[in-house]
Amino acid sequence: MRSLLLALALVAAAAAWAWLDPNDGITTWLSLRADVAQAETRMRGLGAQNASLAEQAEALRGEPFAQERAVREELRWVRPGEVLVRIPAHTDTAAPPPIP
């Protein structure tokens, strides 16, 4: 009976040590699990972004309209006789003031 109590005490001490150890304990394991979950979520997002960029690259290889659109957007080129109108991006989320 005494050896059973000693074994239970050792198991309880080991469990307490595993829970409280700041370098290798359960809290570290839980933190690492959260980090892995966050990294996997980020990887899924980057995978979707990568697929989108691959589609855009494929379109630029074979579609003249996509090529022209890219040149116009990136380099702000216009054809002779065209007028370029720039509209500033509206970044303020507040409602515009009322017109008197």
C-alpha atoms as a PDB file:
ATOM      1  CA  MET A   1       0.000   0.000   0.000  1.00  0.00           C
ATOM      2  CA  ARG A   2       2.844   2.324   0.819  1.00  0.00           C
ATOM      3  CA  SER A   3       4.468   1.765  -2.601  1.00  0.00           C
ATOM      4  CA  LEU A   4       1.151   2.588  -4.322  1.00  0.00           C
ATOM      5  CA  LEU A   5       0.926   5.890  -2.439  1.00  0.00           C
ATOM      6  CA  LEU A   6       4.546   6.629  -3.293  1.00  0.00           C
ATOM      7  CA  ALA A   7       3.855   5.895  -6.982  1.00  0.00           C
ATOM      8  CA  LEU A   8       0.788   8.148  -6.954  1.00  0.00           C
ATOM      9  CA  ALA A   9       2.773  10.903  -5.272  1.00  0.00           C
ATOM     10  CA  LEU A  10       5.516  10.609  -7.899  1.00  0.00           C
ATOM     11  CA  VAL A  11       2.965  10.740 -10.721  1.00  0.00           C
ATOM     12  CA  ALA A  12       1.311  13.780  -9.131  1.00  0.00           C
ATOM     13  CA  ALA A  13       4.688  15.483  -8.703  1.00  0.00           C
ATOM     14  CA  ALA A  14       5.628  14.747 -12.320  1.00  0.00           C
ATOM     15  CA  ALA A  15       2.276  16.107 -13.515  1.00  0.00           C
ATOM     16  CA  ALA A  16       2.734  19.246 -11.423  1.00  0.00           C
ATOM     17  CA  TRP A  17       6.248  19.686 -12.761  1.00  0.00           C
ATOM     18  CA  ALA A  18       5.043  19.238 -16.343  1.00  0.00           C
ATOM     19  CA  TRP A  19       2.305  21.797 -15.786  1.00  0.00           C
ATOM     20  CA  LEU A  20       4.477  24.405 -14.054  1.00  0.00           C
ATOM     21  CA  ASP A  21       7.824  24.075 -15.867  1.00  0.00           C
ATOM     22  CA  PRO A  22       8.226  27.370 -17.775  1.00  0.00           C
ATOM     23  CA  ASN A  23      10.571  25.952 -20.407  1.00  0.00           C
ATOM     24  CA  ASP A  24       9.130  22.566 -21.273  1.00  0.00           C
ATOM     25  CA  GLY A  25       5.757  22.407 -19.557  1.00  0.00           C
ATOM     26  CA  ILE A  26       2.217  22.115 -20.736  1.00  0.00           C
ATOM     27  CA  THR A  27       1.851  25.895 -20.997  1.00  0.00           C
ATOM     28  CA  THR A  28       4.669  25.921 -23.537  1.00  0.00           C
ATOM     29  CA  TRP A  29       3.008  23.081 -25.421  1.00  0.00           C
ATOM     30  CA  LEU A  30      -0.324  24.934 -25.475  1.00  0.00           C
ATOM     31  CA  SER A  31       1.417  28.085 -26.673  1.00  0.00           C
ATOM     32  CA  LEU A  32       3.139  26.151 -29.447  1.00  0.00           C
ATOM     33  CA  ARG A  33      -0.179  24.584 -30.493  1.00  0.00           C
ATOM     34  CA  ALA A  34      -1.692  28.065 -30.782  1.00  0.00           C
ATOM     35  CA  ASP A  35       1.302  29.223 -32.824  1.00  0.00           C
ATOM     36  CA  VAL A  36       0.945  26.257 -35.176  1.00  0.00           C
ATOM     37  CA  ALA A  37      -2.786  26.923 -35.627  1.00  0.00           C
ATOM     38  CA  GLN A  38      -2.071  30.572 -36.402  1.00  0.00           C
ATOM     39  CA  ALA A  39       0.662  29.606 -38.880  1.00  0.00           C
ATOM     40  CA  GLU A  40      -1.655  27.129 -40.619  1.00  0.00           C
ATOM     41  CA  THR A  41      -4.333  29.806 -40.948  1.00  0.00           C
ATOM     42  CA  ARG A  42      -1.779  32.191 -42.411  1.00  0.00           C
ATOM     43  CA  MET A  43      -0.567  29.474 -44.799  1.00  0.00           C
ATOM     44  CA  ARG A  44      -4.113  28.919 -46.067  1.00  0.00           C
ATOM     45  CA  GLY A  45      -4.484  32.649 -46.686  1.00  0.00           C
ATOM     46  CA  LEU A  46      -1.154  32.841 -48.461  1.00  0.00           C
ATOM     47  CA  GLY A  47      -2.074  29.772 -50.525  1.00  0.00           C
ATOM     48  CA  ALA A  48      -5.246  31.495 -51.707  1.00  0.00           C
ATOM     49  CA  GLN A  49      -3.283  34.650 -52.491  1.00  0.00           C
ATOM     50  CA  ASN A  50      -0.705  32.566 -54.363  1.00  0.00           C
ATOM     51  CA  ALA A  51      -3.431  30.912 -56.438  1.00  0.00           C
ATOM     52  CA  SER A  52      -4.902  34.307 -57.280  1.00  0.00           C
ATOM     53  CA  LEU A  53      -1.504  35.624 -58.347  1.00  0.00           C
ATOM     54  CA  ALA A  54      -0.906  32.510 -60.454  1.00  0.00           C
ATOM     55  CA  GLU A  55      -4.220  33.132 -62.247  1.00  0.00           C
ATOM     56  CA  GLN A  56      -3.250  36.746 -62.862  1.00  0.00           C
ATOM     57  CA  ALA A  57       0.150  35.682 -64.209  1.00  0.00           C
ATOM     58  CA  GLU A  58      -1.490  33.172 -66.553  1.00  0.00           C
ATOM     59  CA  ALA A  59      -3.900  35.845 -67.773  1.00  0.00           C
ATOM     60  CA  LEU A  60      -1.000  38.208 -68.425  1.00  0.00           C
ATOM     61  CA  ARG A  61       0.735  35.553 -70.520  1.00  0.00           C
ATOM     62  CA  GLY A  62      -2.098  35.006 -72.947  1.00  0.00           C
ATOM     63  CA  GLU A  63      -4.782  37.689 -72.788  1.00  0.00           C
ATOM     64  CA  PRO A  64      -4.070  40.997 -74.535  1.00  0.00           C
ATOM     65  CA  PHE A  65      -6.833  42.732 -72.562  1.00  0.00           C
ATOM     66  CA  ALA A  66      -5.253  41.694 -69.255  1.00  0.00           C
ATOM     67  CA  GLN A  67      -1.861  42.895 -70.466  1.00  0.00           C
ATOM     68  CA  GLU A  68      -3.264  46.277 -71.471  1.00  0.00           C
ATOM     69  CA  ARG A  69      -5.120  46.625 -68.164  1.00  0.00           C
ATOM     70  CA  ALA A  70      -1.935  45.828 -66.225  1.00  0.00           C
ATOM     71  CA  VAL A  71       0.105  48.359 -68.184  1.00  0.00           C
ATOM     72  CA  ARG A  72      -2.533  51.035 -67.717  1.00  0.00           C
ATOM     73  CA  GLU A  73      -2.853  50.405 -63.972  1.00  0.00           C
ATOM     74  CA  GLU A  74       0.796  49.876 -63.091  1.00  0.00           C
ATOM     75  CA  LEU A  75       2.457  52.385 -65.411  1.00  0.00           C
ATOM     76  CA  ARG A  76      -0.504  54.765 -65.777  1.00  0.00           C
ATOM     77  CA  TRP A  77      -0.138  54.824 -69.516  1.00  0.00           C
ATOM     78  CA  VAL A  78      -2.818  56.190 -71.797  1.00  0.00           C
ATOM     79  CA  ARG A  79      -3.290  56.057 -75.529  1.00  0.00           C
ATOM     80  CA  PRO A  80      -2.851  59.192 -77.613  1.00  0.00           C
ATOM     81  CA  GLY A  81      -5.949  61.347 -77.319  1.00  0.00           C
ATOM     82  CA  GLU A  82      -7.097  59.820 -74.014  1.00  0.00           C
ATOM     83  CA  VAL A  83      -7.346  61.818 -70.813  1.00  0.00           C
ATOM     84  CA  LEU A  84      -6.261  60.252 -67.538  1.00  0.00           C
ATOM     85  CA  VAL A  85      -8.524  61.095 -64.611  1.00  0.00           C
ATOM     86  CA  ARG A  86      -7.194  60.167 -61.186  1.00  0.00           C
ATOM     87  CA  ILE A  87      -9.672  59.660 -58.390  1.00  0.00           C
ATOM     88  CA  PRO A  88      -8.118  59.698 -54.925  1.00  0.00           C
ATOM     89  CA  ALA A  89      -8.721  56.632 -52.842  1.00  0.00           C
ATOM     90  CA  HIS A  90     -11.219  57.317 -50.068  1.00  0.00           C
ATOM     91  CA  THR A  91      -9.610  55.903 -46.933  1.00  0.00           C
ATOM     92  CA  ASP A  92     -11.700  57.723 -44.320  1.00  0.00           C
ATOM     93  CA  THR A  93     -14.501  55.496 -43.085  1.00  0.00           C
ATOM     94  CA  ALA A  94     -16.391  58.363 -41.471  1.00  0.00           C
ATOM     95  CA  ALA A  95     -19.419  59.717 -43.294  1.00  0.00           C
ATOM     96  CA  PRO A  96     -18.758  62.856 -45.347  1.00  0.00           C
ATOM     97  CA  PRO A  97     -20.078  66.104 -43.887  1.00  0.00           C
ATOM     98  CA  PRO A  98     -23.569  67.067 -44.990  1.00  0.00           C
ATOM     99  CA  ILE A  99     -23.906  69.540 -47.824  1.00  0.00           C
ATOM    100  CA  PRO A 100     -25.532  72.802 -46.632  1.00  0.00           C
END
